[in-house]
Amino acid sequence: QLQLVESGGGLVQPGGSLRLSCEASGFSLESYAIGWFRQAPGKLREGISCIGGGGAATDYADSVKGRFTISRDNAKNTVYLQMNSLKPEDTADYYCVADSRYITWCPLSDNYYRYWGKGTLVSVSS
């Protein structure tokens, strides 16, 4: 059974850092496009970062560009989201998504992805 499990969320002060992990089970993440989405209470879900199946293509939402970095470790079957300079407005549930159809690019729209994790909560507060 194909599963995605996020971890690494928690409470951090503004300006701090967290690294989220998305580990796959039941399939190999290699060649899958992986995305990170987030949803804050009362707000629409937002695609914030993605990496194509080939590993070369990445994309970021303007809200996180320059602060977040996505990477993948195929040997560990895991994708990471390094989040630096965190702001209170980054507070949200963060979801990992996957789809095998995008190799040379990756979408930041949620309707492109077939597989979703259950999420991990990130809270940025002093």
N, C-alpha and C. Protein backbone atom coordinates (compact mmCIF):
# COMPACT_ATOMS: atom_id res chain seq x y z
N GLN A 1 0.85 -1.20 0.00
CA GLN A 1 0.00 0.00 0.00
C GLN A 1 0.88 1.23 0.00
N LEU A 2 0.60 2.14 -0.91
CA LEU A 2 1.38 3.35 -1.05
C LEU A 2 1.04 4.32 0.07
N GLN A 3 2.07 4.74 0.83
CA GLN A 3 1.85 5.68 1.92
C GLN A 3 2.93 6.74 1.94
N LEU A 4 2.54 7.93 2.36
CA LEU A 4 3.46 9.03 2.60
C LEU A 4 3.29 9.45 4.05
N VAL A 5 4.40 9.57 4.76
CA VAL A 5 4.33 9.95 6.16
C VAL A 5 5.23 11.16 6.39
N GLU A 6 4.62 12.23 6.86
CA GLU A 6 5.37 13.45 7.15
C GLU A 6 5.82 13.43 8.61
N SER A 7 6.95 14.07 8.86
CA SER A 7 7.43 14.24 10.23
C SER A 7 8.29 15.50 10.28
N GLY A 8 8.59 15.93 11.50
CA GLY A 8 9.48 17.07 11.67
C GLY A 8 8.78 18.36 12.05
N GLY A 9 7.45 18.34 12.09
CA GLY A 9 6.74 19.54 12.50
C GLY A 9 6.90 19.80 13.99
N GLY A 10 6.46 20.97 14.42
CA GLY A 10 6.56 21.31 15.82
C GLY A 10 6.42 22.79 16.03
N LEU A 11 6.75 23.22 17.24
CA LEU A 11 6.68 24.63 17.61
C LEU A 11 8.07 25.25 17.51
N VAL A 12 8.16 26.37 16.85
CA VAL A 12 9.43 27.05 16.69
C VAL A 12 9.20 28.55 16.80
N GLN A 13 10.20 29.26 17.27
CA GLN A 13 10.10 30.72 17.38
C GLN A 13 10.31 31.38 16.03
N PRO A 14 9.76 32.56 15.84
CA PRO A 14 10.02 33.30 14.59
C PRO A 14 11.51 33.45 14.34
N GLY A 15 11.89 33.25 13.10
CA GLY A 15 13.30 33.29 12.74
C GLY A 15 13.99 31.95 12.83
N GLY A 16 13.32 30.97 13.40
CA GLY A 16 13.91 29.65 13.56
C GLY A 16 13.79 28.79 12.33
N SER A 17 14.23 27.54 12.46
CA SER A 17 14.25 26.60 11.34
C SER A 17 13.65 25.27 11.75
N LEU A 18 13.11 24.60 10.76
CA LEU A 18 12.64 23.23 10.91
C LEU A 18 12.93 22.50 9.60
N ARG A 19 13.10 21.17 9.71
CA ARG A 19 13.20 20.36 8.51
C ARG A 19 12.11 19.31 8.53
N LEU A 20 11.24 19.39 7.55
CA LEU A 20 10.20 18.39 7.41
C LEU A 20 10.70 17.24 6.55
N SER A 21 10.26 16.04 6.88
CA SER A 21 10.58 14.85 6.10
C SER A 21 9.30 14.21 5.58
N CYS A 22 9.40 13.65 4.40
CA CYS A 22 8.29 12.89 3.81
C CYS A 22 8.86 11.55 3.39
N GLU A 23 8.50 10.52 4.12
CA GLU A 23 9.01 9.18 3.83
C GLU A 23 7.93 8.35 3.16
N ALA A 24 8.32 7.68 2.10
CA ALA A 24 7.37 6.84 1.36
C ALA A 24 7.52 5.39 1.77
N SER A 25 6.41 4.69 1.77
CA SER A 25 6.43 3.24 1.97
C SER A 25 5.50 2.62 0.95
N GLY A 26 5.84 1.43 0.53
CA GLY A 26 5.02 0.73 -0.44
C GLY A 26 5.35 1.05 -1.88
N PHE A 27 6.26 2.00 -2.09
CA PHE A 27 6.70 2.34 -3.44
C PHE A 27 7.99 3.12 -3.33
N SER A 28 8.68 3.25 -4.45
CA SER A 28 9.91 4.03 -4.49
C SER A 28 9.60 5.45 -4.94
N LEU A 29 10.07 6.43 -4.13
CA LEU A 29 9.85 7.83 -4.48
C LEU A 29 10.62 8.25 -5.73
N GLU A 30 11.66 7.49 -6.03
CA GLU A 30 12.48 7.84 -7.19
C GLU A 30 11.59 7.86 -8.43
N SER A 31 11.68 8.91 -9.20
CA SER A 31 10.91 9.17 -10.42
C SER A 31 9.53 9.75 -10.14
N TYR A 32 9.15 9.92 -8.86
CA TYR A 32 7.90 10.58 -8.53
C TYR A 32 8.15 12.07 -8.31
N ALA A 33 7.25 12.89 -8.81
CA ALA A 33 7.23 14.30 -8.42
C ALA A 33 6.65 14.38 -7.00
N ILE A 34 7.29 15.17 -6.17
CA ILE A 34 6.86 15.33 -4.78
C ILE A 34 6.59 16.81 -4.53
N GLY A 35 5.51 17.07 -3.85
CA GLY A 35 5.17 18.44 -3.51
C GLY A 35 4.89 18.59 -2.03
N TRP A 36 5.02 19.82 -1.57
CA TRP A 36 4.62 20.17 -0.20
C TRP A 36 3.52 21.23 -0.29
N PHE A 37 2.44 20.97 0.40
CA PHE A 37 1.33 21.90 0.48
C PHE A 37 1.11 22.24 1.95
N ARG A 38 0.46 23.35 2.19
CA ARG A 38 0.12 23.69 3.55
C ARG A 38 -1.26 24.33 3.60
N GLN A 39 -1.87 24.20 4.76
CA GLN A 39 -3.18 24.82 4.96
C GLN A 39 -3.27 25.35 6.38
N ALA A 40 -3.51 26.63 6.49
CA ALA A 40 -3.71 27.27 7.78
C ALA A 40 -5.20 27.34 8.06
N PRO A 41 -5.59 27.42 9.33
CA PRO A 41 -7.01 27.50 9.68
C PRO A 41 -7.69 28.66 8.96
N GLY A 42 -8.80 28.36 8.31
CA GLY A 42 -9.57 29.40 7.65
C GLY A 42 -8.99 29.87 6.32
N LYS A 43 -7.93 29.22 5.86
CA LYS A 43 -7.31 29.63 4.60
C LYS A 43 -7.33 28.51 3.59
N LEU A 44 -7.16 28.87 2.33
CA LEU A 44 -7.09 27.88 1.27
C LEU A 44 -5.76 27.13 1.32
N ARG A 45 -5.80 25.90 0.84
CA ARG A 45 -4.56 25.12 0.76
C ARG A 45 -3.62 25.76 -0.27
N GLU A 46 -2.35 25.77 0.06
CA GLU A 46 -1.33 26.46 -0.76
C GLU A 46 -0.22 25.50 -1.12
N GLY A 47 0.11 25.41 -2.38
CA GLY A 47 1.28 24.65 -2.80
C GLY A 47 2.50 25.50 -2.60
N ILE A 48 3.49 25.01 -1.85
CA ILE A 48 4.63 25.85 -1.51
C ILE A 48 5.94 25.39 -2.15
N SER A 49 6.06 24.12 -2.46
CA SER A 49 7.30 23.65 -3.08
C SER A 49 7.07 22.31 -3.74
N CYS A 50 7.87 22.04 -4.76
CA CYS A 50 7.79 20.74 -5.41
C CYS A 50 9.11 20.43 -6.09
N ILE A 51 9.31 19.14 -6.35
CA ILE A 51 10.49 18.68 -7.06
C ILE A 51 10.05 17.62 -8.05
N GLY A 52 10.54 17.72 -9.27
CA GLY A 52 10.13 16.79 -10.31
C GLY A 52 10.72 15.40 -10.12
N GLY A 53 10.15 14.44 -10.84
CA GLY A 53 10.60 13.08 -10.71
C GLY A 53 12.06 12.88 -11.06
N GLY A 54 12.58 13.69 -11.97
CA GLY A 54 13.98 13.60 -12.33
C GLY A 54 14.91 14.21 -11.32
N GLY A 55 14.35 15.01 -10.40
CA GLY A 55 15.15 15.61 -9.35
C GLY A 55 15.75 16.96 -9.69
N ALA A 56 15.69 17.34 -10.97
CA ALA A 56 16.31 18.60 -11.38
C ALA A 56 15.35 19.78 -11.26
N ALA A 57 14.11 19.56 -11.58
CA ALA A 57 13.14 20.66 -11.58
C ALA A 57 12.60 20.88 -10.17
N THR A 58 12.62 22.13 -9.76
CA THR A 58 12.01 22.51 -8.48
C THR A 58 11.21 23.79 -8.69
N ASP A 59 10.29 24.02 -7.80
CA ASP A 59 9.50 25.24 -7.85
C ASP A 59 9.10 25.62 -6.44
N TYR A 60 8.92 26.92 -6.24
CA TYR A 60 8.56 27.42 -4.92
C TYR A 60 7.50 28.51 -5.06
N ALA A 61 6.62 28.58 -4.09
CA ALA A 61 5.70 29.70 -4.03
C ALA A 61 6.47 30.95 -3.63
N ASP A 62 6.00 32.10 -4.08
CA ASP A 62 6.68 33.35 -3.75
C ASP A 62 6.76 33.55 -2.24
N SER A 63 5.79 33.04 -1.52
CA SER A 63 5.73 33.23 -0.07
C SER A 63 6.88 32.54 0.67
N VAL A 64 7.53 31.56 0.03
CA VAL A 64 8.59 30.82 0.72
C VAL A 64 9.92 30.87 -0.03
N LYS A 65 9.93 31.45 -1.21
CA LYS A 65 11.14 31.47 -2.04
C LYS A 65 12.26 32.16 -1.29
N GLY A 66 13.42 31.53 -1.30
CA GLY A 66 14.57 32.08 -0.62
C GLY A 66 14.69 31.65 0.84
N ARG A 67 13.61 31.07 1.38
CA ARG A 67 13.64 30.62 2.78
C ARG A 67 13.52 29.10 2.89
N PHE A 68 12.81 28.48 1.97
CA PHE A 68 12.58 27.03 2.01
C PHE A 68 13.37 26.37 0.88
N THR A 69 13.83 25.14 1.15
CA THR A 69 14.54 24.36 0.14
C THR A 69 14.04 22.93 0.16
N ILE A 70 13.68 22.43 -1.01
CA ILE A 70 13.24 21.05 -1.13
C ILE A 70 14.38 20.20 -1.66
N SER A 71 14.49 18.98 -1.16
CA SER A 71 15.53 18.07 -1.64
C SER A 71 15.03 16.64 -1.49
N ARG A 72 15.72 15.74 -2.17
CA ARG A 72 15.30 14.34 -2.08
C ARG A 72 16.50 13.44 -1.88
N ASP A 73 16.31 12.37 -1.13
CA ASP A 73 17.32 11.34 -0.92
C ASP A 73 16.68 10.03 -1.34
N ASN A 74 16.93 9.64 -2.57
CA ASN A 74 16.28 8.44 -3.09
C ASN A 74 16.71 7.18 -2.33
N ALA A 75 17.93 7.17 -1.83
CA ALA A 75 18.41 6.01 -1.07
C ALA A 75 17.59 5.80 0.20
N LYS A 76 17.13 6.91 0.78
CA LYS A 76 16.32 6.83 2.01
C LYS A 76 14.83 6.90 1.70
N ASN A 77 14.51 7.00 0.40
CA ASN A 77 13.10 7.09 -0.01
C ASN A 77 12.39 8.23 0.70
N THR A 78 13.07 9.36 0.79
CA THR A 78 12.59 10.49 1.60
C THR A 78 12.82 11.80 0.85
N VAL A 79 11.86 12.70 1.00
CA VAL A 79 12.01 14.07 0.50
C VAL A 79 11.96 15.00 1.71
N TYR A 80 12.77 16.04 1.65
CA TYR A 80 12.89 16.97 2.77
C TYR A 80 12.43 18.36 2.36
N LEU A 81 11.96 19.11 3.34
CA LEU A 81 11.70 20.53 3.15
C LEU A 81 12.40 21.27 4.29
N GLN A 82 13.50 21.92 3.96
CA GLN A 82 14.23 22.72 4.93
C GLN A 82 13.59 24.10 4.98
N MET A 83 13.16 24.49 6.16
CA MET A 83 12.45 25.76 6.32
C MET A 83 13.26 26.65 7.25
N ASN A 84 13.72 27.76 6.72
CA ASN A 84 14.51 28.72 7.50
C ASN A 84 13.76 30.04 7.61
N SER A 85 14.21 30.87 8.53
CA SER A 85 13.63 32.21 8.72
C SER A 85 12.11 32.12 8.83
N LEU A 86 11.65 31.23 9.66
CA LEU A 86 10.21 30.99 9.76
C LEU A 86 9.49 32.20 10.34
N LYS A 87 8.27 32.40 9.86
CA LYS A 87 7.44 33.53 10.25
C LYS A 87 6.14 32.99 10.85
N PRO A 88 5.46 33.77 11.65
CA PRO A 88 4.17 33.31 12.19
C PRO A 88 3.19 32.90 11.10
N GLU A 89 3.25 33.56 9.96
CA GLU A 89 2.32 33.22 8.87
C GLU A 89 2.66 31.89 8.21
N ASP A 90 3.75 31.27 8.57
CA ASP A 90 4.06 29.92 8.08
C ASP A 90 3.34 28.84 8.89
N THR A 91 2.67 29.25 9.95
CA THR A 91 1.94 28.30 10.78
C THR A 91 0.83 27.63 9.96
N ALA A 92 0.85 26.30 9.91
CA ALA A 92 -0.13 25.55 9.09
C ALA A 92 0.11 24.06 9.27
N ASP A 93 -0.83 23.29 8.76
CA ASP A 93 -0.60 21.86 8.56
C ASP A 93 0.12 21.70 7.22
N TYR A 94 1.18 20.93 7.22
CA TYR A 94 1.99 20.73 6.02
C TYR A 94 1.81 19.30 5.52
N TYR A 95 1.53 19.18 4.22
CA TYR A 95 1.24 17.89 3.61
C TYR A 95 2.25 17.59 2.50
N CYS A 96 2.62 16.33 2.44
CA CYS A 96 3.48 15.83 1.38
C CYS A 96 2.58 15.12 0.35
N VAL A 97 2.87 15.35 -0.93
CA VAL A 97 2.08 14.75 -2.00
C VAL A 97 3.01 14.15 -3.05
N ALA A 98 2.48 13.18 -3.80
CA ALA A 98 3.32 12.52 -4.80
C ALA A 98 2.50 12.13 -6.03
N ASP A 99 3.19 12.11 -7.15
CA ASP A 99 2.57 11.63 -8.37
C ASP A 99 3.68 11.24 -9.35
N SER A 100 3.45 10.17 -10.09
CA SER A 100 4.49 9.64 -10.98
C SER A 100 4.47 10.26 -12.37
N ARG A 101 3.56 11.17 -12.65
CA ARG A 101 3.36 11.65 -14.02
C ARG A 101 4.23 12.83 -14.42
N TYR A 102 5.00 13.40 -13.48
CA TYR A 102 5.74 14.63 -13.79
C TYR A 102 7.22 14.40 -13.54
N ILE A 103 7.99 14.40 -14.61
CA ILE A 103 9.42 14.10 -14.50
C ILE A 103 10.26 15.35 -14.66
N THR A 104 10.01 16.09 -15.74
CA THR A 104 10.85 17.25 -16.03
C THR A 104 10.29 18.54 -15.46
N TRP A 105 9.16 18.44 -14.77
CA TRP A 105 8.60 19.63 -14.12
C TRP A 105 7.78 19.15 -12.93
N CYS A 106 7.26 20.09 -12.16
CA CYS A 106 6.40 19.71 -11.04
C CYS A 106 5.35 20.80 -10.84
N PRO A 107 4.12 20.39 -10.61
CA PRO A 107 3.04 21.37 -10.41
C PRO A 107 2.90 21.79 -8.95
N LEU A 108 2.41 23.00 -8.75
CA LEU A 108 2.11 23.49 -7.40
C LEU A 108 0.60 23.60 -7.18
N SER A 109 -0.16 22.88 -7.99
CA SER A 109 -1.61 22.84 -7.82
C SER A 109 -2.00 21.47 -7.28
N ASP A 110 -2.87 21.48 -6.29
CA ASP A 110 -3.14 20.22 -5.58
C ASP A 110 -3.89 19.20 -6.44
N ASN A 111 -4.60 19.63 -7.44
CA ASN A 111 -5.37 18.66 -8.23
C ASN A 111 -4.51 17.84 -9.17
N TYR A 112 -3.20 18.09 -9.19
CA TYR A 112 -2.29 17.30 -10.01
C TYR A 112 -1.77 16.07 -9.30
N TYR A 113 -1.97 15.98 -8.01
CA TYR A 113 -1.33 14.92 -7.23
C TYR A 113 -2.35 13.90 -6.75
N ARG A 114 -1.97 12.62 -6.91
CA ARG A 114 -2.89 11.54 -6.55
C ARG A 114 -2.68 11.00 -5.15
N TYR A 115 -1.48 11.18 -4.60
CA TYR A 115 -1.18 10.57 -3.30
C TYR A 115 -0.84 11.65 -2.28
N TRP A 116 -1.45 11.53 -1.10
CA TRP A 116 -1.30 12.54 -0.05
C TRP A 116 -0.96 11.89 1.28
N GLY A 117 -0.09 12.57 2.04
CA GLY A 117 0.14 12.17 3.42
C GLY A 117 -0.91 12.80 4.32
N LYS A 118 -0.82 12.50 5.62
CA LYS A 118 -1.81 12.99 6.56
C LYS A 118 -1.44 14.32 7.19
N GLY A 119 -0.21 14.76 6.99
CA GLY A 119 0.18 16.09 7.44
C GLY A 119 0.94 16.12 8.74
N THR A 120 1.64 17.22 8.94
CA THR A 120 2.35 17.50 10.18
C THR A 120 2.18 18.99 10.47
N LEU A 121 1.98 19.31 11.75
CA LEU A 121 1.68 20.69 12.13
C LEU A 121 2.95 21.47 12.41
N VAL A 122 3.03 22.65 11.81
CA VAL A 122 4.12 23.59 12.08
C VAL A 122 3.52 24.83 12.72
N SER A 123 4.01 25.18 13.88
CA SER A 123 3.54 26.38 14.59
C SER A 123 4.72 27.30 14.82
N VAL A 124 4.59 28.54 14.37
CA VAL A 124 5.64 29.53 14.54
C VAL A 124 5.12 30.63 15.46
N SER A 125 5.65 30.67 16.65
CA SER A 125 5.15 31.61 17.64
C SER A 125 6.20 31.87 18.70
N SER A 126 6.18 33.08 19.25
CA SER A 126 7.08 33.40 20.36
C SER A 126 6.39 33.14 21.70
